[in-house]
Amino acid sequence: MKAIAVNKLHDFAEKALVEIGMSAQDARTVADVLVTTDTFGVLSHGTKNLLGYVQKIQASGLKANAEPAVAAEGPAWAIVDGNEAIGMVTASFAMNKAIEKARQCGVAYVGVRNSCHFGAAGYYANMAAREGMVGLAMSNTDPIMAVPNGCRVSIGSNPFSYAAPTGDGKSVFLDVALSNVAALKVVMAKEKGAQVPAEWLIDENGRHTSDPSTFPEHSCLSPMAAHKGYGLAVMVELLASVVTGAGLLSEVPSWNLKLETPNNVGHAFIAIDVTKMIPADMFYARMARMAQELRSAPKAEGVDRIYMPGEMEWDKREKALAENRLELTDVMASNLEKLSAMTGVAIEWL
């Protein structure tokens, strides 16, 4: 494990991306998405993957200076072409467009094609929450999950997130893969040589396995809650791919195993301006009432606290920012040091 100051990690990520040809503004966007994700404690989707994104740019699977653009739009909707830009830039552009349109129409949908892995979906849902709106963010991925009664990859883990403002600068939010676990968490276990819960993976015969060393060549993810996760993954595929013209199911290659290949991943973002429907103070009061009632539920033996969705992540972020410190895994540190050597940008450890 190595420790680094939060602001120093952000500076390093930003400078490294500028060094490989990204604009200062886009580099700042990517760094903010990834470092914010790390501060929430979701280390599988933050700066751990920065080296992979840079390698994909260098292999021509992404374009460092590409700019997403609106391909078609109406008052409450738009389709954005990512033009093979890094996913965080395109996703931020699209959610900002959804927020802008929701201010006018109350509700807005923005779909994306020609994008790539965008990190943690929760970042974009929280963009809307920061503006006093309810946000939804989702993406299809390369097929890495079996369907019920299947034993081979058929559909992506298709992450889904929502966030709702609470009036105190935080949010109630959920960010989940629609498999039992995000693929990158299996990869992290594989890197550590650790076993995983058997319900995470399905082998080539359709049986559960706890051995991540078989992933992804000889095992695949299982859907969250069986047919329920599968059904929701199909919903994401519909909104992020079918509607947008993005790659559909098997048309999407792995972003990190095929670095030279553009992904044509699809995303979908929805922003809901609740103040068009209910006064803001009433909305926040009702949010607080809901949270209070849920937190006051009878507690299981040995439990002293009930959390709202996202509350653990906000606690971790507050601690990281207050201490200006993040503990990174050995693999994360190694990846960042490789990127430092590649770009010539120094990284300052604590």
Protein backbone atom coordinates (compact mmCIF):
# COMPACT_ATOMS: atom_id res chain seq x y z
CA MET A 1 0.00 0.00 0.00
CA LYS A 2 1.09 3.57 -0.71
CA ALA A 3 -0.47 6.83 0.38
CA ILE A 4 -0.90 10.01 -1.61
CA ALA A 5 -2.53 13.38 -1.00
CA VAL A 6 -5.86 13.74 -2.81
CA ASN A 7 -4.82 16.99 -4.48
CA LYS A 8 -1.47 15.52 -5.55
CA LEU A 9 -3.20 12.54 -7.16
CA HIS A 10 -5.51 14.91 -9.04
CA ASP A 11 -2.54 17.02 -10.18
CA PHE A 12 -0.63 13.96 -11.36
CA ALA A 13 -3.58 12.56 -13.34
CA GLU A 14 -4.25 15.92 -14.95
CA LYS A 15 -0.62 16.55 -15.92
CA ALA A 16 -0.13 13.00 -17.26
CA LEU A 17 -3.16 13.35 -19.53
CA VAL A 18 -2.00 16.72 -20.85
CA GLU A 19 1.39 15.15 -21.53
CA ILE A 20 -0.15 12.54 -23.86
CA GLY A 21 -2.05 15.16 -25.85
CA MET A 22 -5.30 15.89 -24.02
CA SER A 23 -6.49 19.47 -23.56
CA ALA A 24 -6.14 20.98 -20.09
CA GLN A 25 -9.92 21.18 -19.69
CA ASP A 26 -10.53 17.56 -20.71
CA ALA A 27 -7.63 16.36 -18.54
CA ARG A 28 -9.16 18.18 -15.57
CA THR A 29 -12.52 16.53 -16.24
CA VAL A 30 -11.03 13.04 -16.40
CA ALA A 31 -8.92 13.59 -13.31
CA ASP A 32 -11.93 14.84 -11.35
CA VAL A 33 -14.06 11.83 -12.32
CA LEU A 34 -11.35 9.33 -11.37
CA VAL A 35 -10.08 10.95 -8.18
CA THR A 36 -13.60 11.65 -6.91
CA THR A 37 -14.36 7.97 -7.46
CA ASP A 38 -11.27 7.02 -5.42
CA THR A 39 -12.37 9.29 -2.56
CA PHE A 40 -15.73 7.52 -2.49
CA GLY A 41 -13.76 4.33 -1.83
CA VAL A 42 -14.51 2.76 -5.23
CA LEU A 43 -10.88 2.04 -6.05
CA SER A 44 -11.74 -0.38 -8.84
CA HIS A 45 -13.11 2.44 -11.04
CA GLY A 46 -10.82 5.37 -10.28
CA THR A 47 -7.20 6.18 -11.07
CA LYS A 48 -6.35 2.47 -11.11
CA ASN A 49 -7.52 2.52 -14.74
CA LEU A 50 -5.74 5.70 -15.83
CA LEU A 51 -2.78 3.76 -17.25
CA GLY A 52 -5.18 1.62 -19.31
CA TYR A 53 -6.92 4.68 -20.74
CA VAL A 54 -3.57 6.20 -21.72
CA GLN A 55 -2.43 2.93 -23.30
CA LYS A 56 -5.69 2.80 -25.27
CA ILE A 57 -5.09 6.33 -26.54
CA GLN A 58 -1.56 5.39 -27.56
CA ALA A 59 -2.89 2.28 -29.34
CA SER A 60 -5.42 4.45 -31.26
CA GLY A 61 -8.45 2.89 -29.59
CA LEU A 62 -9.29 6.33 -28.19
CA LYS A 63 -8.54 9.85 -29.47
CA ALA A 64 -6.91 12.17 -26.96
CA ASN A 65 -8.23 15.38 -28.51
CA ALA A 66 -11.62 14.19 -29.82
CA GLU A 67 -14.66 16.31 -28.99
CA PRO A 68 -18.15 14.88 -28.39
CA ALA A 69 -20.92 16.55 -30.36
CA VAL A 70 -24.71 16.59 -30.48
CA ALA A 71 -25.80 14.49 -33.45
CA ALA A 72 -29.55 15.07 -33.06
CA GLU A 73 -31.78 16.76 -30.50
CA GLY A 74 -35.18 17.99 -29.47
CA PRO A 75 -36.38 20.12 -26.55
CA ALA A 76 -36.09 17.30 -23.98
CA TRP A 77 -33.69 14.86 -25.61
CA ALA A 78 -30.41 14.55 -27.51
CA ILE A 79 -28.14 11.96 -29.05
CA VAL A 80 -24.44 12.64 -28.58
CA ASP A 81 -21.66 11.20 -30.74
CA GLY A 82 -18.58 10.72 -28.58
CA ASN A 83 -16.32 10.62 -31.63
CA GLU A 84 -14.08 8.13 -29.78
CA ALA A 85 -13.17 10.59 -27.02
CA ILE A 86 -12.29 9.23 -23.59
CA GLY A 87 -15.50 8.19 -21.85
CA MET A 88 -15.35 10.67 -18.94
CA VAL A 89 -15.27 13.64 -21.31
CA THR A 90 -18.20 12.41 -23.37
CA ALA A 91 -20.26 11.33 -20.37
CA SER A 92 -19.76 14.68 -18.61
CA PHE A 93 -20.72 16.54 -21.79
CA ALA A 94 -23.86 14.43 -22.16
CA MET A 95 -25.02 14.77 -18.55
CA ASN A 96 -24.48 18.53 -18.69
CA LYS A 97 -26.66 18.57 -21.79
CA ALA A 98 -29.36 16.58 -19.96
CA ILE A 99 -29.23 19.02 -17.03
CA GLU A 100 -29.49 22.00 -19.38
CA LYS A 101 -32.53 20.56 -21.13
CA ALA A 102 -34.18 19.47 -17.87
CA ARG A 103 -34.06 23.08 -16.66
CA GLN A 104 -36.32 23.93 -19.57
CA CYS A 105 -38.51 20.84 -19.83
CA GLY A 106 -38.44 19.29 -16.35
CA VAL A 107 -37.15 15.94 -17.60
CA ALA A 108 -34.51 15.23 -20.25
CA TYR A 109 -32.83 12.17 -21.78
CA VAL A 110 -29.44 12.22 -23.52
CA GLY A 111 -28.09 9.09 -25.18
CA VAL A 112 -24.52 8.53 -26.35
CA ARG A 113 -22.78 6.45 -29.02
CA ASN A 114 -19.13 6.05 -30.02
CA SER A 115 -17.88 6.27 -26.45
CA CYS A 116 -15.77 4.06 -24.20
CA HIS A 117 -15.57 2.96 -20.56
CA PHE A 118 -16.63 6.00 -18.52
CA GLY A 119 -15.51 4.99 -15.02
CA ALA A 120 -18.12 5.06 -12.24
CA ALA A 121 -21.70 5.81 -13.29
CA GLY A 122 -22.37 7.42 -9.92
CA TYR A 123 -20.19 10.42 -10.76
CA TYR A 124 -22.56 11.48 -13.53
CA ALA A 125 -25.74 10.86 -11.57
CA ASN A 126 -24.25 13.07 -8.86
CA MET A 127 -23.61 15.83 -11.41
CA ALA A 128 -27.39 16.22 -11.62
CA ALA A 129 -27.79 15.99 -7.85
CA ARG A 130 -25.34 18.88 -7.42
CA GLU A 131 -27.73 20.94 -9.56
CA GLY A 132 -30.71 20.05 -7.38
CA MET A 133 -31.97 17.40 -9.79
CA VAL A 134 -32.45 13.66 -9.72
CA GLY A 135 -29.94 12.05 -12.04
CA LEU A 136 -29.75 8.64 -13.68
CA ALA A 137 -26.69 7.36 -15.52
CA MET A 138 -26.09 4.05 -17.25
CA SER A 139 -23.91 2.38 -19.85
CA ASN A 140 -23.70 -0.81 -21.80
CA THR A 141 -20.39 -2.69 -21.75
CA ASP A 142 -18.73 -5.48 -23.66
CA PRO A 143 -20.55 -8.78 -23.02
CA ILE A 144 -19.08 -10.15 -19.82
CA MET A 145 -22.14 -11.60 -18.08
CA ALA A 146 -24.15 -14.76 -18.64
CA VAL A 147 -27.93 -14.67 -18.87
CA PRO A 148 -30.14 -16.96 -16.73
CA ASN A 149 -29.81 -20.56 -17.92
CA GLY A 150 -26.73 -19.60 -19.94
CA CYS A 151 -23.05 -20.42 -19.46
CA ARG A 152 -21.24 -17.97 -21.79
CA VAL A 153 -20.98 -14.21 -21.99
CA SER A 154 -24.08 -12.74 -23.60
CA ILE A 155 -24.60 -9.22 -22.24
CA GLY A 156 -22.64 -6.54 -20.43
CA SER A 157 -22.67 -5.90 -16.70
CA ASN A 158 -24.30 -2.59 -17.75
CA PRO A 159 -23.80 -0.27 -14.75
CA PHE A 160 -26.71 1.82 -13.49
CA SER A 161 -26.77 4.71 -11.04
CA TYR A 162 -29.19 7.21 -9.58
CA ALA A 163 -28.61 10.20 -7.31
CA ALA A 164 -31.01 12.56 -5.55
CA PRO A 165 -30.04 15.81 -3.79
CA THR A 166 -30.61 16.22 -0.07
CA GLY A 167 -30.01 19.96 0.30
CA ASP A 168 -26.77 19.58 2.29
CA GLY A 169 -24.32 19.13 -0.58
CA LYS A 170 -24.55 15.36 -0.45
CA SER A 171 -26.97 12.97 -2.12
CA VAL A 172 -28.77 9.70 -1.77
CA PHE A 173 -27.19 7.59 -4.51
CA LEU A 174 -26.62 4.09 -5.76
CA ASP A 175 -24.08 2.92 -8.33
CA VAL A 176 -24.15 -0.76 -9.23
CA ALA A 177 -23.19 -3.15 -11.96
CA LEU A 178 -26.14 -5.32 -12.93
CA SER A 179 -23.96 -8.36 -12.50
CA ASN A 180 -23.43 -9.61 -8.94
CA VAL A 181 -20.23 -7.54 -8.91
CA ALA A 182 -18.39 -5.18 -11.26
CA ALA A 183 -15.85 -6.93 -13.50
CA LEU A 184 -13.03 -4.70 -12.27
CA LYS A 185 -13.56 -5.98 -8.72
CA VAL A 186 -13.02 -9.53 -9.96
CA VAL A 187 -9.88 -8.32 -11.74
CA MET A 188 -8.64 -6.76 -8.48
CA ALA A 189 -9.19 -10.08 -6.65
CA LYS A 190 -7.36 -11.90 -9.44
CA GLU A 191 -4.42 -9.50 -9.11
CA LYS A 192 -4.26 -10.18 -5.36
CA GLY A 193 -4.57 -13.96 -5.81
CA ALA A 194 -7.71 -13.93 -3.66
CA GLN A 195 -10.85 -16.02 -3.98
CA VAL A 196 -14.23 -14.40 -4.60
CA PRO A 197 -17.75 -15.32 -3.46
CA ALA A 198 -18.92 -18.19 -5.66
CA GLU A 199 -22.07 -16.36 -6.74
CA TRP A 200 -19.94 -13.79 -8.57
CA LEU A 201 -18.76 -16.07 -11.38
CA ILE A 202 -20.13 -18.79 -13.67
CA ASP A 203 -17.79 -21.28 -15.33
CA GLU A 204 -18.02 -22.77 -18.82
CA ASN A 205 -20.45 -25.42 -17.60
CA GLY A 206 -22.83 -22.94 -15.99
CA ARG A 207 -21.64 -23.68 -12.44
CA HIS A 208 -20.63 -21.08 -9.88
CA THR A 209 -16.91 -20.74 -9.17
CA SER A 210 -14.92 -18.72 -6.63
CA ASP A 211 -11.68 -18.78 -8.65
CA PRO A 212 -11.09 -15.39 -10.33
CA SER A 213 -7.99 -16.69 -12.15
CA THR A 214 -10.37 -18.19 -14.70
CA PHE A 215 -11.85 -14.76 -15.51
CA PRO A 216 -12.52 -13.68 -18.23
CA GLU A 217 -11.14 -16.48 -20.41
CA HIS A 218 -13.01 -19.38 -18.80
CA SER A 219 -15.66 -17.79 -16.60
CA CYS A 220 -18.06 -14.87 -16.71
CA LEU A 221 -20.10 -12.73 -14.36
CA SER A 222 -23.49 -13.85 -13.13
CA PRO A 223 -26.45 -11.43 -13.17
CA MET A 224 -27.41 -9.65 -9.97
CA ALA A 225 -30.50 -11.27 -8.42
CA ALA A 226 -30.76 -13.72 -11.32
CA HIS A 227 -33.54 -12.75 -13.76
CA LYS A 228 -33.97 -9.34 -12.08
CA GLY A 229 -30.44 -8.16 -12.85
CA TYR A 230 -30.72 -9.64 -16.32
CA GLY A 231 -33.95 -7.78 -16.99
CA LEU A 232 -32.46 -4.48 -15.81
CA ALA A 233 -29.34 -5.05 -17.94
CA VAL A 234 -31.62 -5.39 -20.97
CA MET A 235 -33.26 -2.08 -20.00
CA VAL A 236 -29.84 -0.39 -19.98
CA GLU A 237 -28.98 -1.97 -23.33
CA LEU A 238 -32.23 -0.57 -24.72
CA LEU A 239 -31.64 3.01 -23.49
CA ALA A 240 -27.87 3.16 -24.02
CA SER A 241 -27.48 1.16 -27.23
CA VAL A 242 -30.66 0.32 -29.13
CA VAL A 243 -31.90 3.93 -29.09
CA THR A 244 -28.53 5.60 -29.63
CA GLY A 245 -26.99 3.49 -32.40
CA ALA A 246 -24.08 2.44 -30.19
CA GLY A 247 -22.55 -1.02 -30.34
CA LEU A 248 -25.13 -3.65 -29.44
CA LEU A 249 -24.20 -6.63 -27.23
CA SER A 250 -21.50 -8.60 -29.11
CA GLU A 251 -20.63 -5.55 -31.24
CA VAL A 252 -18.86 -4.01 -28.21
CA PRO A 253 -15.23 -5.19 -27.70
CA SER A 254 -13.44 -5.10 -24.36
CA TRP A 255 -12.03 -1.64 -23.69
CA ASN A 256 -8.91 -2.92 -21.91
CA LEU A 257 -8.22 -6.24 -23.66
CA LYS A 258 -8.43 -4.76 -27.18
CA LEU A 259 -6.64 -1.47 -26.73
CA GLU A 260 -6.36 -0.72 -30.43
CA THR A 261 -10.10 -1.11 -31.10
CA PRO A 262 -12.66 1.69 -30.63
CA ASN A 263 -15.51 0.46 -28.43
CA ASN A 264 -18.62 2.31 -29.65
CA VAL A 265 -20.02 1.98 -26.14
CA GLY A 266 -23.39 3.59 -25.45
CA HIS A 267 -24.48 5.59 -22.42
CA ALA A 268 -27.78 7.08 -21.29
CA PHE A 269 -28.37 9.99 -18.93
CA ILE A 270 -31.62 11.29 -17.50
CA ALA A 271 -32.02 14.48 -15.47
CA ILE A 272 -35.21 15.34 -13.58
CA ASP A 273 -35.68 18.88 -12.30
CA VAL A 274 -37.87 18.11 -9.31
CA THR A 275 -38.43 21.82 -8.61
CA LYS A 276 -40.71 21.89 -11.66
CA MET A 277 -42.98 19.47 -9.80
CA ILE A 278 -42.53 20.26 -6.11
CA PRO A 279 -41.01 23.24 -4.22
CA ALA A 280 -37.37 22.59 -3.38
CA ASP A 281 -37.82 23.02 0.38
CA MET A 282 -40.72 20.56 0.37
CA PHE A 283 -38.68 18.07 -1.65
CA TYR A 284 -35.73 18.26 0.76
CA ALA A 285 -38.04 17.97 3.77
CA ARG A 286 -39.60 14.83 2.32
CA MET A 287 -36.16 13.41 1.50
CA ALA A 288 -35.12 13.99 5.12
CA ARG A 289 -38.29 12.36 6.38
CA MET A 290 -37.69 9.30 4.20
CA ALA A 291 -34.10 9.03 5.37
CA GLN A 292 -35.05 9.39 9.03
CA GLU A 293 -37.68 6.68 8.81
CA LEU A 294 -35.32 4.27 7.07
CA ARG A 295 -32.44 4.95 9.47
CA SER A 296 -34.83 4.37 12.38
CA ALA A 297 -35.78 0.88 11.23
CA PRO A 298 -35.28 -1.88 13.88
CA LYS A 299 -31.62 -2.92 13.78
CA ALA A 300 -30.31 -6.46 13.54
CA GLU A 301 -28.39 -7.85 16.49
CA GLY A 302 -24.92 -6.36 16.76
CA VAL A 303 -25.68 -3.50 14.36
CA ASP A 304 -25.54 0.11 15.53
CA ARG A 305 -26.28 2.02 12.32
CA ILE A 306 -28.49 1.82 9.24
CA TYR A 307 -27.22 3.64 6.17
CA MET A 308 -28.97 5.38 3.32
CA PRO A 309 -27.73 4.48 -0.17
CA GLY A 310 -24.48 6.37 -0.79
CA GLU A 311 -23.96 7.31 2.86
CA MET A 312 -20.94 5.04 3.31
CA GLU A 313 -19.36 6.54 0.21
CA TRP A 314 -19.93 10.11 1.43
CA ASP A 315 -18.36 9.19 4.79
CA LYS A 316 -15.28 7.87 2.99
CA ARG A 317 -15.06 10.96 0.80
CA GLU A 318 -15.35 13.32 3.75
CA LYS A 319 -12.55 11.46 5.55
CA ALA A 320 -10.29 11.42 2.48
CA LEU A 321 -10.77 15.14 1.89
CA ALA A 322 -10.41 16.08 5.56
CA GLU A 323 -7.13 14.14 5.81
CA ASN A 324 -6.09 14.93 2.21
CA ARG A 325 -4.97 11.33 1.99
CA LEU A 326 -5.78 8.19 0.00
CA GLU A 327 -4.41 4.70 0.58
CA LEU A 328 -3.80 2.99 -2.78
CA THR A 329 -3.34 -0.71 -3.42
CA ASP A 330 -0.01 -2.03 -4.66
CA VAL A 331 -1.46 -2.55 -8.16
CA MET A 332 -2.80 1.01 -8.24
CA ALA A 333 0.55 2.40 -7.12
CA SER A 334 2.38 0.27 -9.69
CA ASN A 335 0.07 1.47 -12.48
CA LEU A 336 0.60 5.11 -11.52
CA GLU A 337 4.37 4.65 -11.34
CA LYS A 338 4.35 3.08 -14.81
CA LEU A 339 2.37 6.05 -16.08
CA SER A 340 4.83 8.40 -14.41
CA ALA A 341 7.74 6.70 -16.17
CA MET A 342 5.83 6.75 -19.47
CA THR A 343 4.93 10.45 -19.35
CA GLY A 344 7.80 11.92 -17.34
CA VAL A 345 5.34 13.41 -14.85
CA ALA A 346 6.54 12.93 -11.28
CA ILE A 347 4.22 11.43 -8.69
CA GLU A 348 4.54 12.57 -5.07
CA TRP A 349 3.82 9.87 -2.47
CA LEU A 350 3.30 10.67 1.18
